[in-house]
Amino acid sequence: MFTIDMQSRIPVFEQIVIQTEEFIRAGILNPGDKLPSVRELTAMIGVNPNTISKAYGELERRGLTVSVTGKGCFIAKNISDVLKTAAEKKIPEFEKLAKELIDSGITKDELIRRVNSLVSQ
């Protein structure tokens, strides 16, 4: 499930967080799905349990998961709302990048064509 690149500059805990978000967006993980326990994931990917606990804590802090004492870590029931809210926070960054591209000579039509091609994938 998880693939960790030990040579990456991205910390291992963040790789777990990023991949979990990707699995949710791809529909591999759905609301209510249980994540592997810290012990199980440690055995699967060979990473220090504290690193996995840190990743799980970050997932919960971001609202992507909920922890149930004695039961485990689960994908949040309201995950689509959480992802939409996180995406909406990125709109100013997108707008800034779009302006930079336009200022650099990329036409509005080209930007629209590219966005439309992403939407139709």
N, C-alpha and C. Protein backbone atom coordinates (compact mmCIF):
# COMPACT_ATOMS: atom_id res chain seq x y z
N MET A 1 0.83 -1.19 0.00
CA MET A 1 0.00 0.00 0.00
C MET A 1 0.88 1.26 0.00
N PHE A 2 1.69 1.43 1.01
CA PHE A 2 2.56 2.60 1.09
C PHE A 2 3.93 2.26 0.52
N THR A 3 4.51 3.23 -0.19
CA THR A 3 5.85 3.07 -0.72
C THR A 3 6.69 4.22 -0.17
N ILE A 4 7.72 3.90 0.58
CA ILE A 4 8.55 4.91 1.21
C ILE A 4 9.88 4.99 0.46
N ASP A 5 10.26 6.21 0.12
CA ASP A 5 11.54 6.47 -0.54
C ASP A 5 12.49 7.03 0.51
N MET A 6 13.39 6.19 0.96
CA MET A 6 14.32 6.61 2.00
C MET A 6 15.34 7.64 1.50
N GLN A 7 15.48 7.78 0.19
CA GLN A 7 16.41 8.75 -0.39
C GLN A 7 15.76 10.13 -0.60
N SER A 8 14.44 10.19 -0.44
CA SER A 8 13.71 11.42 -0.67
C SER A 8 14.04 12.47 0.39
N ARG A 9 13.94 13.73 0.00
CA ARG A 9 14.11 14.83 0.95
C ARG A 9 12.83 15.06 1.76
N ILE A 10 11.74 14.42 1.32
CA ILE A 10 10.47 14.53 2.04
C ILE A 10 10.53 13.57 3.22
N PRO A 11 10.29 14.07 4.44
CA PRO A 11 10.34 13.19 5.61
C PRO A 11 9.38 12.01 5.45
N VAL A 12 9.74 10.89 6.04
CA VAL A 12 8.95 9.67 5.91
C VAL A 12 7.52 9.88 6.40
N PHE A 13 7.34 10.56 7.53
CA PHE A 13 5.98 10.76 8.04
C PHE A 13 5.14 11.54 7.03
N GLU A 14 5.76 12.51 6.35
CA GLU A 14 5.03 13.32 5.36
C GLU A 14 4.72 12.48 4.12
N GLN A 15 5.61 11.57 3.75
CA GLN A 15 5.32 10.67 2.63
C GLN A 15 4.08 9.83 2.93
N ILE A 16 3.95 9.38 4.17
CA ILE A 16 2.78 8.61 4.57
C ILE A 16 1.52 9.47 4.48
N VAL A 17 1.61 10.71 4.94
CA VAL A 17 0.47 11.63 4.89
C VAL A 17 0.08 11.89 3.44
N ILE A 18 1.05 12.21 2.60
CA ILE A 18 0.78 12.51 1.19
C ILE A 18 0.13 11.31 0.50
N GLN A 19 0.69 10.14 0.72
CA GLN A 19 0.15 8.94 0.07
C GLN A 19 -1.26 8.63 0.57
N THR A 20 -1.52 8.86 1.85
CA THR A 20 -2.86 8.64 2.38
C THR A 20 -3.85 9.57 1.69
N GLU A 21 -3.48 10.84 1.54
CA GLU A 21 -4.34 11.80 0.83
C GLU A 21 -4.59 11.34 -0.60
N GLU A 22 -3.54 10.86 -1.27
CA GLU A 22 -3.69 10.38 -2.65
C GLU A 22 -4.62 9.17 -2.70
N PHE A 23 -4.50 8.25 -1.74
CA PHE A 23 -5.37 7.08 -1.70
C PHE A 23 -6.83 7.48 -1.49
N ILE A 24 -7.05 8.50 -0.69
CA ILE A 24 -8.41 8.98 -0.44
C ILE A 24 -8.98 9.59 -1.72
N ARG A 25 -8.20 10.47 -2.37
CA ARG A 25 -8.68 11.10 -3.61
C ARG A 25 -8.95 10.07 -4.71
N ALA A 26 -8.14 9.01 -4.74
CA ALA A 26 -8.29 7.98 -5.78
C ALA A 26 -9.40 6.98 -5.46
N GLY A 27 -9.97 7.08 -4.26
CA GLY A 27 -11.04 6.16 -3.88
C GLY A 27 -10.53 4.82 -3.36
N ILE A 28 -9.22 4.72 -3.13
CA ILE A 28 -8.65 3.50 -2.55
C ILE A 28 -9.01 3.41 -1.08
N LEU A 29 -9.00 4.56 -0.40
CA LEU A 29 -9.45 4.66 0.98
C LEU A 29 -10.73 5.49 1.00
N ASN A 30 -11.73 5.01 1.71
CA ASN A 30 -13.04 5.65 1.75
C ASN A 30 -13.43 5.97 3.19
N PRO A 31 -14.44 6.85 3.36
CA PRO A 31 -14.88 7.18 4.71
C PRO A 31 -15.17 5.93 5.53
N GLY A 32 -14.62 5.91 6.73
CA GLY A 32 -14.85 4.78 7.64
C GLY A 32 -13.84 3.65 7.51
N ASP A 33 -13.01 3.68 6.46
CA ASP A 33 -12.00 2.63 6.31
C ASP A 33 -10.97 2.74 7.43
N LYS A 34 -10.53 1.58 7.90
CA LYS A 34 -9.53 1.52 8.97
C LYS A 34 -8.14 1.49 8.35
N LEU A 35 -7.27 2.33 8.87
CA LEU A 35 -5.87 2.30 8.47
C LEU A 35 -5.17 1.17 9.22
N PRO A 36 -4.07 0.66 8.68
CA PRO A 36 -3.32 -0.36 9.43
C PRO A 36 -2.88 0.21 10.78
N SER A 37 -2.79 -0.65 11.77
CA SER A 37 -2.30 -0.19 13.07
C SER A 37 -0.85 0.24 12.92
N VAL A 38 -0.37 0.98 13.90
CA VAL A 38 1.04 1.40 13.87
C VAL A 38 1.93 0.17 13.77
N ARG A 39 1.63 -0.85 14.53
CA ARG A 39 2.43 -2.07 14.52
C ARG A 39 2.39 -2.75 13.14
N GLU A 40 1.19 -2.83 12.54
CA GLU A 40 1.06 -3.46 11.22
C GLU A 40 1.83 -2.68 10.16
N LEU A 41 1.70 -1.36 10.18
CA LEU A 41 2.38 -0.54 9.18
C LEU A 41 3.89 -0.58 9.38
N THR A 42 4.32 -0.65 10.63
CA THR A 42 5.75 -0.79 10.93
C THR A 42 6.29 -2.05 10.27
N ALA A 43 5.55 -3.15 10.41
CA ALA A 43 5.98 -4.42 9.82
C ALA A 43 5.96 -4.37 8.29
N MET A 44 4.97 -3.66 7.72
CA MET A 44 4.83 -3.59 6.26
C MET A 44 5.94 -2.79 5.60
N ILE A 45 6.26 -1.62 6.18
CA ILE A 45 7.19 -0.72 5.49
C ILE A 45 8.52 -0.55 6.21
N GLY A 46 8.67 -1.16 7.36
CA GLY A 46 9.95 -1.13 8.05
C GLY A 46 10.38 0.24 8.54
N VAL A 47 9.43 0.99 9.06
CA VAL A 47 9.71 2.34 9.55
C VAL A 47 9.48 2.36 11.05
N ASN A 48 10.20 3.22 11.74
CA ASN A 48 10.07 3.37 13.18
C ASN A 48 8.60 3.65 13.55
N PRO A 49 8.06 2.97 14.56
CA PRO A 49 6.68 3.20 14.97
C PRO A 49 6.38 4.65 15.35
N ASN A 50 7.38 5.36 15.89
CA ASN A 50 7.16 6.77 16.24
C ASN A 50 6.90 7.62 15.00
N THR A 51 7.54 7.26 13.89
CA THR A 51 7.34 7.98 12.63
C THR A 51 5.91 7.77 12.15
N ILE A 52 5.42 6.56 12.25
CA ILE A 52 4.05 6.26 11.83
C ILE A 52 3.05 6.96 12.75
N SER A 53 3.32 6.95 14.04
CA SER A 53 2.46 7.66 14.98
C SER A 53 2.41 9.15 14.66
N LYS A 54 3.55 9.72 14.27
CA LYS A 54 3.59 11.13 13.90
C LYS A 54 2.74 11.38 12.66
N ALA A 55 2.84 10.48 11.67
CA ALA A 55 2.03 10.62 10.45
C ALA A 55 0.54 10.52 10.79
N TYR A 56 0.18 9.55 11.61
CA TYR A 56 -1.23 9.39 11.98
C TYR A 56 -1.73 10.61 12.76
N GLY A 57 -0.88 11.17 13.61
CA GLY A 57 -1.25 12.39 14.33
C GLY A 57 -1.49 13.55 13.38
N GLU A 58 -0.65 13.66 12.36
CA GLU A 58 -0.80 14.73 11.36
C GLU A 58 -2.07 14.53 10.54
N LEU A 59 -2.37 13.30 10.18
CA LEU A 59 -3.60 13.01 9.44
C LEU A 59 -4.83 13.42 10.26
N GLU A 60 -4.78 13.14 11.55
CA GLU A 60 -5.89 13.51 12.42
C GLU A 60 -5.97 15.03 12.58
N ARG A 61 -4.81 15.68 12.73
CA ARG A 61 -4.78 17.13 12.86
C ARG A 61 -5.40 17.80 11.64
N ARG A 62 -5.17 17.23 10.46
CA ARG A 62 -5.72 17.78 9.21
C ARG A 62 -7.19 17.41 9.01
N GLY A 63 -7.72 16.58 9.89
CA GLY A 63 -9.13 16.20 9.79
C GLY A 63 -9.40 15.05 8.84
N LEU A 64 -8.35 14.41 8.35
CA LEU A 64 -8.52 13.32 7.39
C LEU A 64 -8.88 12.00 8.07
N THR A 65 -8.47 11.86 9.33
CA THR A 65 -8.76 10.63 10.06
C THR A 65 -9.29 10.95 11.45
N VAL A 66 -9.86 9.93 12.06
CA VAL A 66 -10.26 10.01 13.46
C VAL A 66 -9.71 8.77 14.16
N SER A 67 -9.22 8.96 15.36
CA SER A 67 -8.71 7.85 16.15
C SER A 67 -9.75 7.44 17.17
N VAL A 68 -9.95 6.16 17.28
CA VAL A 68 -10.86 5.61 18.28
C VAL A 68 -10.02 4.76 19.21
N THR A 69 -9.97 5.17 20.46
CA THR A 69 -9.13 4.47 21.44
C THR A 69 -9.47 2.99 21.48
N GLY A 70 -8.44 2.18 21.34
CA GLY A 70 -8.60 0.74 21.39
C GLY A 70 -9.09 0.11 20.10
N LYS A 71 -9.47 0.93 19.13
CA LYS A 71 -9.99 0.39 17.87
C LYS A 71 -9.10 0.72 16.68
N GLY A 72 -8.51 1.91 16.67
CA GLY A 72 -7.62 2.26 15.58
C GLY A 72 -7.89 3.62 14.97
N CYS A 73 -7.33 3.80 13.79
CA CYS A 73 -7.40 5.06 13.06
C CYS A 73 -8.24 4.84 11.81
N PHE A 74 -9.25 5.70 11.61
CA PHE A 74 -10.21 5.53 10.53
C PHE A 74 -10.28 6.79 9.66
N ILE A 75 -10.56 6.60 8.37
CA ILE A 75 -10.78 7.73 7.48
C ILE A 75 -12.05 8.44 7.95
N ALA A 76 -11.97 9.77 8.05
CA ALA A 76 -13.09 10.56 8.56
C ALA A 76 -14.33 10.40 7.68
N LYS A 77 -15.48 10.39 8.32
CA LYS A 77 -16.76 10.25 7.59
C LYS A 77 -17.01 11.44 6.67
N ASN A 78 -16.55 12.63 7.07
CA ASN A 78 -16.78 13.85 6.30
C ASN A 78 -15.58 14.19 5.40
N ILE A 79 -14.90 13.16 4.90
CA ILE A 79 -13.64 13.37 4.19
C ILE A 79 -13.80 14.26 2.96
N SER A 80 -14.91 14.16 2.24
CA SER A 80 -15.07 15.00 1.04
C SER A 80 -15.12 16.47 1.42
N ASP A 81 -15.77 16.79 2.54
CA ASP A 81 -15.80 18.19 2.99
C ASP A 81 -14.41 18.66 3.40
N VAL A 82 -13.66 17.80 4.08
CA VAL A 82 -12.31 18.14 4.53
C VAL A 82 -11.42 18.41 3.31
N LEU A 83 -11.49 17.53 2.31
CA LEU A 83 -10.66 17.71 1.11
C LEU A 83 -11.05 18.98 0.34
N LYS A 84 -12.35 19.25 0.26
CA LYS A 84 -12.81 20.45 -0.45
C LYS A 84 -12.33 21.71 0.26
N THR A 85 -12.42 21.74 1.58
CA THR A 85 -11.96 22.89 2.35
C THR A 85 -10.46 23.11 2.15
N ALA A 86 -9.70 22.02 2.17
CA ALA A 86 -8.24 22.13 1.96
C ALA A 86 -7.95 22.64 0.55
N ALA A 87 -8.71 22.16 -0.43
CA ALA A 87 -8.50 22.60 -1.81
C ALA A 87 -8.84 24.08 -1.98
N GLU A 88 -9.91 24.52 -1.33
CA GLU A 88 -10.31 25.93 -1.44
C GLU A 88 -9.23 26.86 -0.90
N LYS A 89 -8.48 26.39 0.10
CA LYS A 89 -7.39 27.20 0.65
C LYS A 89 -6.24 27.37 -0.34
N LYS A 90 -6.19 26.51 -1.35
CA LYS A 90 -5.13 26.58 -2.35
C LYS A 90 -5.47 27.49 -3.53
N ILE A 91 -6.69 27.97 -3.60
CA ILE A 91 -7.12 28.81 -4.73
C ILE A 91 -6.27 30.07 -4.86
N PRO A 92 -5.96 30.80 -3.78
CA PRO A 92 -5.09 31.98 -3.94
C PRO A 92 -3.72 31.63 -4.55
N GLU A 93 -3.19 30.49 -4.17
CA GLU A 93 -1.91 30.04 -4.74
C GLU A 93 -2.08 29.75 -6.24
N PHE A 94 -3.19 29.13 -6.61
CA PHE A 94 -3.49 28.87 -8.02
C PHE A 94 -3.63 30.18 -8.79
N GLU A 95 -4.35 31.13 -8.20
CA GLU A 95 -4.54 32.42 -8.86
C GLU A 95 -3.21 33.14 -9.08
N LYS A 96 -2.35 33.08 -8.08
CA LYS A 96 -1.04 33.71 -8.19
C LYS A 96 -0.23 33.06 -9.32
N LEU A 97 -0.26 31.74 -9.38
CA LEU A 97 0.46 31.03 -10.43
C LEU A 97 -0.13 31.34 -11.81
N ALA A 98 -1.45 31.39 -11.92
CA ALA A 98 -2.09 31.71 -13.19
C ALA A 98 -1.68 33.11 -13.65
N LYS A 99 -1.66 34.06 -12.73
CA LYS A 99 -1.25 35.42 -13.08
C LYS A 99 0.20 35.43 -13.55
N GLU A 100 1.06 34.71 -12.86
CA GLU A 100 2.47 34.63 -13.25
C GLU A 100 2.62 34.04 -14.65
N LEU A 101 1.83 33.02 -14.96
CA LEU A 101 1.89 32.41 -16.29
C LEU A 101 1.42 33.38 -17.36
N ILE A 102 0.32 34.08 -17.08
CA ILE A 102 -0.19 35.07 -18.03
C ILE A 102 0.82 36.19 -18.24
N ASP A 103 1.41 36.67 -17.15
CA ASP A 103 2.42 37.73 -17.24
C ASP A 103 3.66 37.26 -18.02
N SER A 104 3.88 35.94 -18.07
CA SER A 104 5.04 35.39 -18.77
C SER A 104 4.73 35.04 -20.22
N GLY A 105 3.50 35.33 -20.65
CA GLY A 105 3.18 35.13 -22.06
C GLY A 105 2.25 33.98 -22.38
N ILE A 106 1.85 33.21 -21.40
CA ILE A 106 0.88 32.14 -21.65
C ILE A 106 -0.49 32.79 -21.79
N THR A 107 -1.20 32.43 -22.85
CA THR A 107 -2.49 33.08 -23.09
C THR A 107 -3.58 32.50 -22.19
N LYS A 108 -4.61 33.30 -22.02
CA LYS A 108 -5.78 32.88 -21.25
C LYS A 108 -6.38 31.63 -21.88
N ASP A 109 -6.47 31.61 -23.20
CA ASP A 109 -7.03 30.45 -23.90
C ASP A 109 -6.21 29.18 -23.63
N GLU A 110 -4.88 29.33 -23.60
CA GLU A 110 -4.02 28.18 -23.32
C GLU A 110 -4.25 27.67 -21.90
N LEU A 111 -4.36 28.59 -20.95
CA LEU A 111 -4.63 28.17 -19.56
C LEU A 111 -5.97 27.44 -19.46
N ILE A 112 -6.98 28.00 -20.10
CA ILE A 112 -8.31 27.39 -20.08
C ILE A 112 -8.27 26.01 -20.73
N ARG A 113 -7.55 25.89 -21.83
CA ARG A 113 -7.43 24.60 -22.52
C ARG A 113 -6.78 23.57 -21.59
N ARG A 114 -5.72 24.00 -20.89
CA ARG A 114 -5.02 23.08 -19.99
C ARG A 114 -5.91 22.66 -18.82
N VAL A 115 -6.62 23.61 -18.23
CA VAL A 115 -7.52 23.27 -17.12
C VAL A 115 -8.61 22.32 -17.61
N ASN A 116 -9.18 22.63 -18.78
CA ASN A 116 -10.23 21.76 -19.32
C ASN A 116 -9.71 20.34 -19.59
N SER A 117 -8.46 20.22 -20.03
CA SER A 117 -7.91 18.89 -20.28
C SER A 117 -7.73 18.12 -18.97
N LEU A 118 -7.41 18.83 -17.89
CA LEU A 118 -7.31 18.17 -16.58
C LEU A 118 -8.66 17.70 -16.09
N VAL A 119 -9.67 18.53 -16.31
CA VAL A 119 -11.03 18.21 -15.84
C VAL A 119 -11.57 17.01 -16.58
N SER A 120 -11.23 16.86 -17.86
CA SER A 120 -11.79 15.76 -18.66
C SER A 120 -11.03 14.45 -18.47
N GLN A 121 -9.99 14.44 -17.67
CA GLN A 121 -9.22 13.19 -17.46
C GLN A 121 -9.96 12.24 -16.56
